[in-house]
N, C-alpha and C. Protein backbone atom coordinates (compact mmCIF):
# COMPACT_ATOMS: atom_id res chain seq x y z
N MET A 1 -131.69 60.51 -176.03
CA MET A 1 -132.94 60.58 -176.77
C MET A 1 -133.05 61.99 -177.35
N SER A 2 -133.38 62.05 -178.63
CA SER A 2 -133.46 63.35 -179.29
C SER A 2 -134.72 64.10 -178.87
N ARG A 3 -134.68 65.39 -179.10
CA ARG A 3 -135.83 66.24 -178.76
C ARG A 3 -137.07 65.78 -179.54
N GLY A 4 -136.87 65.44 -180.82
CA GLY A 4 -137.98 64.97 -181.63
C GLY A 4 -138.61 63.70 -181.09
N SER A 5 -137.76 62.77 -180.62
CA SER A 5 -138.27 61.53 -180.05
C SER A 5 -139.06 61.80 -178.78
N ARG A 6 -138.56 62.70 -177.94
CA ARG A 6 -139.28 63.03 -176.70
C ARG A 6 -140.64 63.65 -177.02
N ILE A 7 -140.67 64.53 -178.01
CA ILE A 7 -141.94 65.15 -178.40
C ILE A 7 -142.90 64.09 -178.92
N LEU A 8 -142.40 63.20 -179.77
CA LEU A 8 -143.24 62.13 -180.32
C LEU A 8 -143.81 61.26 -179.21
N ILE A 9 -142.97 60.85 -178.29
CA ILE A 9 -143.42 60.00 -177.19
C ILE A 9 -144.47 60.70 -176.35
N THR A 10 -144.16 61.91 -175.95
CA THR A 10 -145.07 62.66 -175.08
C THR A 10 -146.41 62.89 -175.75
N LEU A 11 -146.39 63.36 -176.98
CA LEU A 11 -147.64 63.64 -177.68
C LEU A 11 -148.44 62.37 -177.90
N SER A 12 -147.79 61.29 -178.28
CA SER A 12 -148.50 60.03 -178.51
C SER A 12 -149.17 59.53 -177.24
N LEU A 13 -148.44 59.58 -176.12
CA LEU A 13 -149.01 59.09 -174.87
C LEU A 13 -150.12 59.99 -174.36
N VAL A 14 -149.95 61.30 -174.51
CA VAL A 14 -150.99 62.22 -174.07
C VAL A 14 -152.25 62.03 -174.90
N LEU A 15 -152.10 61.95 -176.21
CA LEU A 15 -153.27 61.78 -177.06
C LEU A 15 -153.91 60.42 -176.84
N ALA A 16 -153.11 59.40 -176.60
CA ALA A 16 -153.68 58.08 -176.32
C ALA A 16 -154.47 58.11 -175.02
N ALA A 17 -153.98 58.87 -174.05
CA ALA A 17 -154.70 58.98 -172.78
C ALA A 17 -156.03 59.70 -172.95
N CYS A 18 -156.09 60.62 -173.90
CA CYS A 18 -157.31 61.38 -174.14
C CYS A 18 -158.34 60.58 -174.92
N ALA A 19 -157.90 59.60 -175.68
CA ALA A 19 -158.82 58.77 -176.46
C ALA A 19 -159.30 57.64 -175.58
N GLY A 20 -160.55 57.65 -175.23
CA GLY A 20 -161.09 56.69 -174.27
C GLY A 20 -160.82 55.25 -174.61
N ASP A 21 -160.81 54.88 -175.89
CA ASP A 21 -160.61 53.49 -176.24
C ASP A 21 -159.14 53.09 -176.30
N SER A 22 -158.24 54.02 -176.07
CA SER A 22 -156.81 53.70 -176.11
C SER A 22 -156.24 53.45 -174.73
N VAL A 23 -157.03 53.62 -173.71
CA VAL A 23 -156.56 53.39 -172.35
C VAL A 23 -157.36 52.24 -171.78
N GLY A 24 -156.66 51.29 -171.22
CA GLY A 24 -157.37 50.17 -170.66
C GLY A 24 -156.43 49.27 -169.90
N PRO A 25 -156.93 48.14 -169.47
CA PRO A 25 -156.09 47.23 -168.71
C PRO A 25 -154.97 46.67 -169.57
N ASP A 26 -153.85 46.35 -168.92
CA ASP A 26 -152.70 45.78 -169.62
C ASP A 26 -153.05 44.38 -170.09
N THR A 27 -152.86 44.14 -171.38
CA THR A 27 -153.13 42.82 -171.93
C THR A 27 -151.89 41.96 -171.94
N GLY A 28 -150.74 42.56 -171.59
CA GLY A 28 -149.50 41.82 -171.58
C GLY A 28 -148.91 41.61 -172.96
N SER A 29 -149.41 42.31 -173.95
CA SER A 29 -148.86 42.17 -175.29
C SER A 29 -148.62 43.53 -175.90
N GLY A 30 -147.75 43.56 -176.86
CA GLY A 30 -147.44 44.81 -177.53
C GLY A 30 -146.36 45.57 -176.80
N PRO A 31 -145.76 46.55 -177.47
CA PRO A 31 -144.65 47.30 -176.90
C PRO A 31 -144.98 48.04 -175.63
N ALA A 32 -146.16 48.61 -175.53
CA ALA A 32 -146.50 49.36 -174.33
C ALA A 32 -146.85 48.43 -173.18
N GLY A 33 -147.41 47.28 -173.49
CA GLY A 33 -147.88 46.38 -172.46
C GLY A 33 -146.85 45.42 -171.92
N GLY A 34 -145.85 45.05 -172.69
CA GLY A 34 -144.82 44.20 -172.13
C GLY A 34 -144.35 43.08 -173.00
N SER A 35 -144.85 41.88 -172.79
CA SER A 35 -144.19 40.68 -173.27
C SER A 35 -144.27 40.42 -174.77
N GLY A 36 -145.38 40.58 -175.40
CA GLY A 36 -145.52 40.17 -176.80
C GLY A 36 -145.21 41.29 -177.77
N ALA A 37 -145.14 40.94 -179.05
CA ALA A 37 -144.90 41.94 -180.07
C ALA A 37 -145.93 41.80 -181.18
N SER A 38 -147.09 41.23 -180.86
CA SER A 38 -148.08 40.97 -181.89
C SER A 38 -148.91 42.20 -182.24
N LEU A 39 -148.98 43.17 -181.36
CA LEU A 39 -149.74 44.37 -181.64
C LEU A 39 -148.85 45.40 -182.33
N PRO A 40 -149.45 46.29 -183.14
CA PRO A 40 -148.63 47.33 -183.76
C PRO A 40 -148.06 48.26 -182.70
N GLY A 41 -146.93 48.83 -183.00
CA GLY A 41 -146.33 49.73 -182.05
C GLY A 41 -144.99 50.22 -182.55
N PRO A 42 -144.36 51.05 -181.76
CA PRO A 42 -143.08 51.63 -182.16
C PRO A 42 -141.99 50.56 -182.19
N SER A 43 -141.02 50.74 -183.07
CA SER A 43 -139.90 49.81 -183.11
C SER A 43 -138.65 50.42 -182.46
N ASP A 44 -138.66 51.72 -182.22
CA ASP A 44 -137.52 52.39 -181.60
C ASP A 44 -137.40 51.92 -180.15
N PRO A 45 -136.26 51.32 -179.78
CA PRO A 45 -136.11 50.80 -178.42
C PRO A 45 -136.28 51.86 -177.34
N GLU A 46 -135.91 53.12 -177.63
CA GLU A 46 -136.07 54.18 -176.63
C GLU A 46 -137.55 54.45 -176.38
N ILE A 47 -138.35 54.43 -177.42
CA ILE A 47 -139.79 54.67 -177.26
C ILE A 47 -140.43 53.51 -176.52
N VAL A 48 -140.05 52.27 -176.88
CA VAL A 48 -140.58 51.09 -176.20
C VAL A 48 -140.23 51.15 -174.71
N SER A 49 -138.98 51.46 -174.40
CA SER A 49 -138.53 51.53 -173.01
C SER A 49 -139.28 52.62 -172.25
N PHE A 50 -139.45 53.79 -172.87
CA PHE A 50 -140.17 54.89 -172.23
C PHE A 50 -141.62 54.50 -171.98
N SER A 51 -142.25 53.85 -172.95
CA SER A 51 -143.65 53.43 -172.80
C SER A 51 -143.80 52.43 -171.66
N GLN A 52 -142.86 51.49 -171.57
CA GLN A 52 -142.91 50.51 -170.48
C GLN A 52 -142.73 51.18 -169.13
N ALA A 53 -141.78 52.12 -169.05
CA ALA A 53 -141.56 52.84 -167.78
C ALA A 53 -142.78 53.67 -167.41
N MET A 54 -143.38 54.33 -168.39
CA MET A 54 -144.58 55.14 -168.14
C MET A 54 -145.72 54.26 -167.63
N ASN A 55 -145.92 53.11 -168.26
CA ASN A 55 -147.00 52.23 -167.84
C ASN A 55 -146.74 51.64 -166.45
N ALA A 56 -145.49 51.32 -166.14
CA ALA A 56 -145.16 50.82 -164.80
C ALA A 56 -145.49 51.89 -163.75
N HIS A 57 -145.16 53.13 -164.05
CA HIS A 57 -145.47 54.23 -163.13
C HIS A 57 -146.99 54.40 -162.99
N ARG A 58 -147.70 54.36 -164.11
CA ARG A 58 -149.16 54.51 -164.05
C ARG A 58 -149.79 53.41 -163.23
N GLU A 59 -149.31 52.17 -163.42
CA GLU A 59 -149.85 51.05 -162.64
C GLU A 59 -149.59 51.24 -161.15
N SER A 60 -148.39 51.72 -160.81
CA SER A 60 -148.06 51.93 -159.39
C SER A 60 -148.93 53.02 -158.77
N ALA A 61 -149.44 53.92 -159.60
CA ALA A 61 -150.32 54.99 -159.12
C ALA A 61 -151.79 54.60 -159.20
N GLY A 62 -152.06 53.36 -159.64
CA GLY A 62 -153.44 52.88 -159.72
C GLY A 62 -154.16 53.29 -160.98
N CYS A 63 -153.44 53.75 -161.98
CA CYS A 63 -154.04 54.16 -163.26
C CYS A 63 -153.93 53.03 -164.28
N GLY A 64 -154.78 53.07 -165.27
CA GLY A 64 -154.69 52.11 -166.36
C GLY A 64 -153.49 52.40 -167.24
N VAL A 65 -153.01 51.37 -167.91
CA VAL A 65 -151.86 51.55 -168.80
C VAL A 65 -152.31 52.16 -170.12
N LEU A 66 -151.35 52.74 -170.83
CA LEU A 66 -151.63 53.33 -172.13
C LEU A 66 -151.25 52.34 -173.23
N ALA A 67 -152.04 52.29 -174.27
CA ALA A 67 -151.75 51.43 -175.41
C ALA A 67 -151.30 52.29 -176.59
N TRP A 68 -150.35 51.77 -177.36
CA TRP A 68 -149.88 52.49 -178.54
C TRP A 68 -151.00 52.57 -179.56
N HIS A 69 -151.11 53.69 -180.23
CA HIS A 69 -152.13 53.92 -181.25
C HIS A 69 -151.41 54.45 -182.48
N ASP A 70 -151.23 53.58 -183.50
CA ASP A 70 -150.44 53.95 -184.67
C ASP A 70 -150.86 55.25 -185.35
N PRO A 71 -152.16 55.49 -185.60
CA PRO A 71 -152.53 56.76 -186.24
C PRO A 71 -152.10 57.98 -185.41
N THR A 72 -152.20 57.89 -184.10
CA THR A 72 -151.76 58.99 -183.25
C THR A 72 -150.25 59.15 -183.32
N GLY A 73 -149.53 58.02 -183.34
CA GLY A 73 -148.09 58.07 -183.48
C GLY A 73 -147.66 58.71 -184.78
N ASP A 74 -148.40 58.42 -185.86
CA ASP A 74 -148.09 59.03 -187.17
C ASP A 74 -148.26 60.54 -187.13
N VAL A 75 -149.34 61.00 -186.49
CA VAL A 75 -149.58 62.44 -186.37
C VAL A 75 -148.48 63.07 -185.52
N ALA A 76 -148.13 62.42 -184.43
CA ALA A 76 -147.08 62.95 -183.56
C ALA A 76 -145.74 63.01 -184.28
N GLN A 77 -145.44 61.98 -185.08
CA GLN A 77 -144.18 61.97 -185.82
C GLN A 77 -144.14 63.13 -186.81
N ALA A 78 -145.23 63.32 -187.55
CA ALA A 78 -145.29 64.43 -188.51
C ALA A 78 -145.14 65.77 -187.79
N HIS A 79 -145.78 65.90 -186.64
CA HIS A 79 -145.68 67.14 -185.87
C HIS A 79 -144.24 67.35 -185.40
N SER A 80 -143.60 66.29 -184.92
CA SER A 80 -142.22 66.40 -184.44
C SER A 80 -141.29 66.81 -185.57
N GLU A 81 -141.46 66.23 -186.74
CA GLU A 81 -140.62 66.58 -187.89
C GLU A 81 -140.84 68.04 -188.28
N ASP A 82 -142.08 68.49 -188.23
CA ASP A 82 -142.39 69.87 -188.54
C ASP A 82 -141.72 70.80 -187.52
N MET A 83 -141.80 70.44 -186.24
CA MET A 83 -141.19 71.25 -185.19
C MET A 83 -139.67 71.32 -185.37
N LEU A 84 -139.04 70.21 -185.74
CA LEU A 84 -137.60 70.21 -185.94
C LEU A 84 -137.19 71.11 -187.10
N GLN A 85 -138.01 71.14 -188.14
CA GLN A 85 -137.72 72.00 -189.30
C GLN A 85 -137.86 73.47 -188.93
N ARG A 86 -138.74 73.78 -188.01
CA ARG A 86 -138.99 75.17 -187.63
C ARG A 86 -138.07 75.65 -186.50
N ASP A 87 -137.37 74.71 -185.85
CA ASP A 87 -136.54 75.03 -184.70
C ASP A 87 -135.30 75.81 -185.08
């Protein structure tokens, strides 16, 4: 996984955790939640896998799962690209 992808994933999940309406019970759909693909979300298999692993860990710790938030992902992607250009 590239440095940019790790930054994107981390920033997206952290910002989603900070947005009260982006954290909630697992609905079982979408890339972060598991089985379905009807909700918007990342298409990169590494990001999907990381999101699923993060949510499994959060659930085992008694925390709510994180949901993907496209606008936050867009900001994180732009930030990651900017960081890579400055690196």
